């Protein structure tokens, strides 16, 4: 079932929550990444300044997080948190880990890839590692996690093995997500307009078959067999939800949520039966404050 969804009813328990959140009213922020924890804490990154913003789903206003070790980071893109409430974010060639107060726990710099300096885009956290995509190189980077310690960030998989004849500079790796076991990664490539499945044990890479539809996603998340993705290139901008096969090798897009509620969306997070979608305004920098996050109902909640 495809929805060009515009007026879905709010799920029970969500009717008193805001439909929109202000990340910042300062010029040039350009929000890009988002994480929402189980307790409703929100983190949003700024591509324009490299800063982190923090809030809660019950409050329509976010505030700057006084995060250490990011003063020399000109931009910040992907952000996620783990079960210990550690906040991981990427910008330029740097991966940082902070605690909830903004204290810097770890800072790791990516090595150059086959095409030059890394331009880290998004990340996913598993029990064993943090995996990071690279916009400038067809490479997934990995930093091991042992007893709460973050190891060096090193190139891990050159994804060109899946399509060796595709121009390496146009892979443009973007969103990344993982299944519950951490053994399967799904990686979006804007250049190929496809999602790629990576086995973390064998490093085997194969395309996820989605019925031939252009699916060059920006941010993505996987919940069970539902792949949630934000598209802003090659298709109408909005949220697309695909139902995947059990082995995550193929699937069908079941929901398409577009409309003027979004302002160049880049990624999304989920809490309860709500999706939180970042309005980046990256198509018209420095954009027009206020910069916002839109909350919409998750149509898979029935």
Protein backbone atom coordinates (compact mmCIF):
# COMPACT_ATOMS: atom_id res chain seq x y z
CA UNK A 1 0.00 0.00 0.00
CA UNK A 2 1.37 3.40 -0.99
CA UNK A 3 0.41 6.53 0.91
CA UNK A 4 1.07 10.00 -0.39
CA UNK A 5 0.29 10.62 3.23
CA UNK A 6 -0.73 13.97 4.45
CA UNK A 7 -3.18 13.82 7.35
CA UNK A 8 -2.65 10.82 9.51
CA UNK A 9 -4.19 10.76 12.95
CA UNK A 10 -1.84 10.95 15.90
CA UNK A 11 -1.49 7.68 17.82
CA UNK A 12 -2.82 7.43 21.35
CA UNK A 13 -0.36 8.91 23.84
CA UNK A 14 1.13 11.25 21.24
CA UNK A 15 -1.71 13.75 20.90
CA UNK A 16 -0.25 16.12 23.50
CA UNK A 17 3.21 16.15 21.91
CA UNK A 18 4.31 18.92 19.53
CA UNK A 19 4.03 18.39 15.79
CA UNK A 20 7.12 20.52 15.19
CA UNK A 21 10.32 21.25 17.12
CA UNK A 22 12.58 24.28 16.80
CA UNK A 23 16.22 23.23 16.70
CA UNK A 24 17.51 26.81 16.62
CA UNK A 25 16.49 30.34 15.68
CA UNK A 26 20.10 31.39 14.95
CA UNK A 27 21.07 31.86 11.29
CA UNK A 28 23.13 29.28 9.43
CA UNK A 29 22.45 26.22 11.62
CA UNK A 30 21.19 23.87 8.86
CA UNK A 31 20.23 20.82 10.96
CA UNK A 32 21.15 17.46 9.45
CA UNK A 33 21.22 14.43 11.80
CA UNK A 34 18.91 13.31 14.59
CA UNK A 35 18.78 10.73 17.38
CA UNK A 36 15.85 10.17 19.76
CA UNK A 37 16.45 8.01 22.81
CA UNK A 38 13.87 5.72 24.45
CA UNK A 39 13.26 8.31 27.19
CA UNK A 40 12.45 10.98 24.60
CA UNK A 41 15.76 12.87 24.65
CA UNK A 42 16.50 14.39 21.23
CA UNK A 43 19.90 15.20 19.72
CA UNK A 44 20.28 17.11 16.44
CA UNK A 45 23.46 18.03 14.58
CA UNK A 46 24.25 21.20 12.65
CA UNK A 47 25.83 20.91 9.23
CA UNK A 48 26.30 24.67 9.23
CA UNK A 49 28.28 24.98 12.47
CA UNK A 50 29.22 21.50 13.74
CA UNK A 51 27.27 22.02 16.97
CA UNK A 52 24.98 19.61 18.81
CA UNK A 53 21.50 20.50 20.05
CA UNK A 54 19.53 18.70 22.76
CA UNK A 55 15.88 18.58 23.76
CA UNK A 56 12.98 16.34 24.68
CA UNK A 57 9.93 15.20 22.71
CA UNK A 58 7.67 16.95 25.26
CA UNK A 59 9.31 20.36 24.64
CA UNK A 60 9.03 22.17 21.28
CA UNK A 61 12.37 23.97 21.73
CA UNK A 62 15.84 22.41 21.60
CA UNK A 63 18.92 24.06 23.08
CA UNK A 64 22.66 23.96 22.31
CA UNK A 65 24.60 21.20 24.07
CA UNK A 66 27.90 22.42 25.49
CA UNK A 67 29.87 19.62 23.87
CA UNK A 68 33.63 19.50 24.31
CA UNK A 69 36.07 18.91 21.48
CA UNK A 70 34.00 20.20 18.55
CA UNK A 71 35.18 23.81 18.26
CA UNK A 72 37.32 22.93 15.23
CA UNK A 73 34.58 20.87 13.56
CA UNK A 74 32.98 22.98 10.82
CA UNK A 75 30.02 20.66 10.32
CA UNK A 76 28.25 17.70 11.91
CA UNK A 77 26.07 15.18 10.09
CA UNK A 78 25.11 11.76 11.45
CA UNK A 79 24.34 11.32 15.17
CA UNK A 80 23.26 8.30 17.21
CA UNK A 81 23.31 7.24 20.86
CA UNK A 82 23.90 3.89 22.52
CA UNK A 83 22.39 2.07 25.50
CA UNK A 84 24.76 3.92 27.85
CA UNK A 85 23.44 7.28 26.58
CA UNK A 86 26.71 8.06 24.82
CA UNK A 87 26.26 10.38 21.84
CA UNK A 88 28.27 9.56 18.71
CA UNK A 89 28.43 12.09 15.89
CA UNK A 90 30.50 12.66 12.75
CA UNK A 91 31.72 15.69 10.85
CA UNK A 92 34.55 16.08 8.35
CA UNK A 93 36.99 13.28 9.11
CA UNK A 94 36.18 13.08 12.84
CA UNK A 95 34.00 10.76 14.94
CA UNK A 96 33.26 11.98 18.47
CA UNK A 97 31.72 10.31 21.50
CA UNK A 98 30.16 12.43 24.28
CA UNK A 99 28.25 11.69 27.44
CA UNK A 100 24.90 13.35 28.15
CA UNK A 101 26.52 16.37 29.77
CA UNK A 102 28.65 17.05 26.69
CA UNK A 103 31.90 15.71 28.14
CA UNK A 104 34.16 14.37 25.40
CA UNK A 105 34.70 10.64 25.90
CA UNK A 106 36.52 9.82 22.65
CA UNK A 107 37.57 11.47 19.42
CA UNK A 108 38.73 9.43 16.42
CA UNK A 109 40.00 10.64 13.06
CA UNK A 110 39.40 8.59 9.92
CA UNK A 111 42.27 7.67 7.65
CA UNK A 112 42.26 8.81 4.05
CA UNK A 113 40.41 6.59 1.61
CA UNK A 114 41.36 5.55 -1.93
CA UNK A 115 40.19 8.90 -3.32
CA UNK A 116 41.64 11.12 -0.59
CA UNK A 117 40.50 12.69 2.68
CA UNK A 118 37.46 11.18 4.37
CA UNK A 119 34.17 13.08 4.52
CA UNK A 120 32.20 11.15 7.13
CA UNK A 121 28.47 11.16 6.60
CA UNK A 122 26.47 8.82 8.85
CA UNK A 123 26.99 6.06 11.40
CA UNK A 124 25.40 3.09 13.11
CA UNK A 125 26.29 1.60 16.48
CA UNK A 126 26.33 -2.15 17.17
CA UNK A 127 27.52 -4.03 20.24
CA UNK A 128 30.89 -4.67 18.62
CA UNK A 129 31.60 -1.57 16.57
CA UNK A 130 30.67 1.80 15.15
CA UNK A 131 30.36 1.78 11.35
CA UNK A 132 30.65 5.06 9.45
CA UNK A 133 29.93 5.94 5.82
CA UNK A 134 32.15 8.21 3.74
CA UNK A 135 30.68 10.63 1.20
CA UNK A 136 34.03 11.20 -0.52
CA UNK A 137 35.23 7.59 -0.71
CA UNK A 138 33.44 4.30 -1.50
CA UNK A 139 34.46 3.07 1.94
CA UNK A 140 32.78 2.07 5.19
CA UNK A 141 34.95 2.84 8.23
CA UNK A 142 34.84 0.87 11.48
CA UNK A 143 35.86 1.55 15.08
CA UNK A 144 35.75 -1.48 17.40
CA UNK A 145 34.07 -1.24 20.80
CA UNK A 146 35.52 -3.16 23.75
CA UNK A 147 34.30 -2.75 27.34
CA UNK A 148 33.10 0.78 26.65
CA UNK A 149 36.31 1.79 24.87
CA UNK A 150 36.26 3.03 21.28
CA UNK A 151 39.11 1.80 19.11
CA UNK A 152 40.78 3.52 16.14
CA UNK A 153 38.60 4.44 13.16
CA UNK A 154 39.91 2.51 10.15
CA UNK A 155 38.72 1.78 6.60
CA UNK A 156 36.86 -1.52 6.80
CA UNK A 157 35.08 -2.31 3.50
CA UNK A 158 35.63 -0.89 0.02
CA UNK A 159 32.11 -1.20 -1.31
CA UNK A 160 33.18 -1.06 -4.97
CA UNK A 161 33.37 -4.86 -5.00
CA UNK A 162 29.58 -4.90 -5.50
CA UNK A 163 29.70 -2.83 -8.71
CA UNK A 164 33.35 -2.54 -9.84
CA UNK A 165 32.51 -0.63 -13.01
CA UNK A 166 30.60 2.16 -11.28
CA UNK A 167 32.74 5.36 -11.03
CA UNK A 168 34.27 5.32 -7.53
CA UNK A 169 33.85 9.07 -6.95
CA UNK A 170 30.08 8.81 -7.43
CA UNK A 171 29.17 6.20 -4.85
CA UNK A 172 28.33 9.02 -2.39
CA UNK A 173 27.69 6.80 0.62
CA UNK A 174 25.07 8.20 2.94
CA UNK A 175 22.70 6.58 5.44
CA UNK A 176 23.58 3.38 7.27
CA UNK A 177 21.64 1.10 9.62
CA UNK A 178 21.97 -2.41 11.06
CA UNK A 179 19.82 -5.33 12.11
CA UNK A 180 19.52 -6.30 15.78
CA UNK A 181 22.37 -8.80 15.61
CA UNK A 182 24.80 -6.33 14.07
CA UNK A 183 25.67 -8.92 11.41
CA UNK A 184 23.90 -7.12 8.56
CA UNK A 185 24.35 -3.50 7.54
CA UNK A 186 22.19 -1.62 5.06
CA UNK A 187 24.03 1.24 3.36
CA UNK A 188 22.53 3.92 1.10
CA UNK A 189 24.37 5.21 -1.95
CA UNK A 190 23.08 8.42 -3.53
CA UNK A 191 25.19 7.82 -6.63
CA UNK A 192 23.85 4.34 -7.41
CA UNK A 193 20.38 5.30 -6.10
CA UNK A 194 20.30 2.01 -4.23
CA UNK A 195 20.65 0.38 -0.82
CA UNK A 196 23.43 -2.17 -0.31
CA UNK A 197 23.47 -5.10 2.11
CA UNK A 198 26.78 -5.79 3.87
CA UNK A 199 27.53 -8.96 5.85
CA UNK A 200 29.77 -7.92 8.75
CA UNK A 201 31.22 -11.43 9.08
CA UNK A 202 32.21 -11.97 5.44
CA UNK A 203 32.19 -8.36 4.17
CA UNK A 204 30.10 -9.53 1.22
CA UNK A 205 28.18 -6.68 -0.47
CA UNK A 206 25.00 -7.03 -2.55
CA UNK A 207 22.21 -4.73 -3.69
CA UNK A 208 18.88 -4.81 -1.87
CA UNK A 209 16.23 -5.34 -4.54
CA UNK A 210 13.36 -2.88 -4.14
CA UNK A 211 11.44 -3.45 -7.34
CA UNK A 212 13.60 -1.23 -9.48
CA UNK A 213 12.57 1.94 -7.66
CA UNK A 214 15.14 4.70 -7.23
CA UNK A 215 16.14 4.51 -3.58
CA UNK A 216 19.18 6.72 -3.07
CA UNK A 217 18.31 7.36 0.56
CA UNK A 218 19.81 9.94 2.86
CA UNK A 219 19.17 8.89 6.49
CA UNK A 220 17.77 5.42 7.24
CA UNK A 221 16.73 3.25 10.16
CA UNK A 222 15.73 -0.40 10.37
CA UNK A 223 13.08 -1.71 12.76
CA UNK A 224 12.44 -5.39 12.36
CA UNK A 225 11.80 -5.81 8.65
CA UNK A 226 10.70 -2.21 8.07
CA UNK A 227 13.31 0.03 6.47
CA UNK A 228 12.53 3.71 7.06
CA UNK A 229 14.34 6.11 4.73
CA UNK A 230 14.38 9.79 3.87
CA UNK A 231 14.73 10.52 0.18
CA UNK A 232 15.55 13.95 -1.21
CA UNK A 233 17.15 13.03 -4.52
CA UNK A 234 15.80 11.00 -7.44
CA UNK A 235 12.26 10.92 -5.99
CA UNK A 236 9.82 13.32 -4.27
CA UNK A 237 11.33 14.37 -0.95
CA UNK A 238 9.90 12.66 2.10
CA UNK A 239 9.77 9.47 4.14
CA UNK A 240 9.65 6.08 2.41
CA UNK A 241 9.02 2.83 4.29
CA UNK A 242 9.86 -0.51 2.71
CA UNK A 243 8.90 -3.96 3.99
CA UNK A 244 11.91 -6.23 3.54
CA UNK A 245 12.22 -9.98 3.28
CA UNK A 246 13.41 -11.91 6.30
CA UNK A 247 16.98 -12.02 4.96
CA UNK A 248 16.88 -8.27 4.13
CA UNK A 249 17.79 -8.95 0.50
CA UNK A 250 14.67 -7.57 -1.20
CA UNK A 251 11.49 -5.72 -0.42
CA UNK A 252 8.67 -3.44 -1.47
CA UNK A 253 8.02 0.20 -0.67
CA UNK A 254 4.73 0.23 1.24
CA UNK A 255 4.46 3.85 2.37
CA UNK A 256 5.49 7.14 0.80
CA UNK A 257 4.97 10.24 2.93
CA UNK A 258 5.63 13.51 1.13
CA UNK A 259 4.28 17.02 1.20
CA UNK A 260 4.95 20.60 2.22
CA UNK A 261 5.44 19.68 5.89
CA UNK A 262 9.08 18.91 4.97
CA UNK A 263 11.81 21.39 3.98
CA UNK A 264 14.51 19.26 2.33
CA UNK A 265 14.36 16.42 4.87
CA UNK A 266 17.63 14.60 5.49
CA UNK A 267 17.04 11.89 8.07
CA UNK A 268 14.71 10.60 10.75
CA UNK A 269 14.43 8.90 14.13
CA UNK A 270 11.63 6.90 15.72
CA UNK A 271 10.13 6.98 19.22
CA UNK A 272 6.93 5.14 20.01
CA UNK A 273 4.65 5.45 17.00
CA UNK A 274 6.11 8.76 15.86
CA UNK A 275 8.80 9.61 13.33
CA UNK A 276 10.96 12.70 13.79
CA UNK A 277 12.16 14.15 10.48
CA UNK A 278 14.89 16.80 10.13
CA UNK A 279 14.13 19.80 7.89
CA UNK A 280 17.63 20.73 6.78
CA UNK A 281 17.02 23.58 4.29
CA UNK A 282 20.28 22.43 2.65
CA UNK A 283 18.91 23.25 -0.79
CA UNK A 284 18.92 26.96 0.11
CA UNK A 285 21.83 27.62 2.49
CA UNK A 286 22.04 29.32 4.91
CA UNK A 287 18.29 28.73 5.05
CA UNK A 288 15.70 30.70 6.94
CA UNK A 289 15.35 30.37 10.72
CA UNK A 290 13.78 28.81 12.62
CA UNK A 291 15.24 25.42 11.72
CA UNK A 292 12.88 22.60 12.61
CA UNK A 293 12.14 18.92 13.05
CA UNK A 294 8.71 17.62 11.99
CA UNK A 295 6.93 14.85 13.91
CA UNK A 296 4.60 12.54 11.99
CA UNK A 297 2.70 9.36 12.78
CA UNK A 298 4.35 6.05 11.90
CA UNK A 299 1.92 4.38 9.47
CA UNK A 300 3.22 0.90 10.40
CA UNK A 301 1.61 1.27 13.84
CA UNK A 302 -1.80 -0.31 13.42
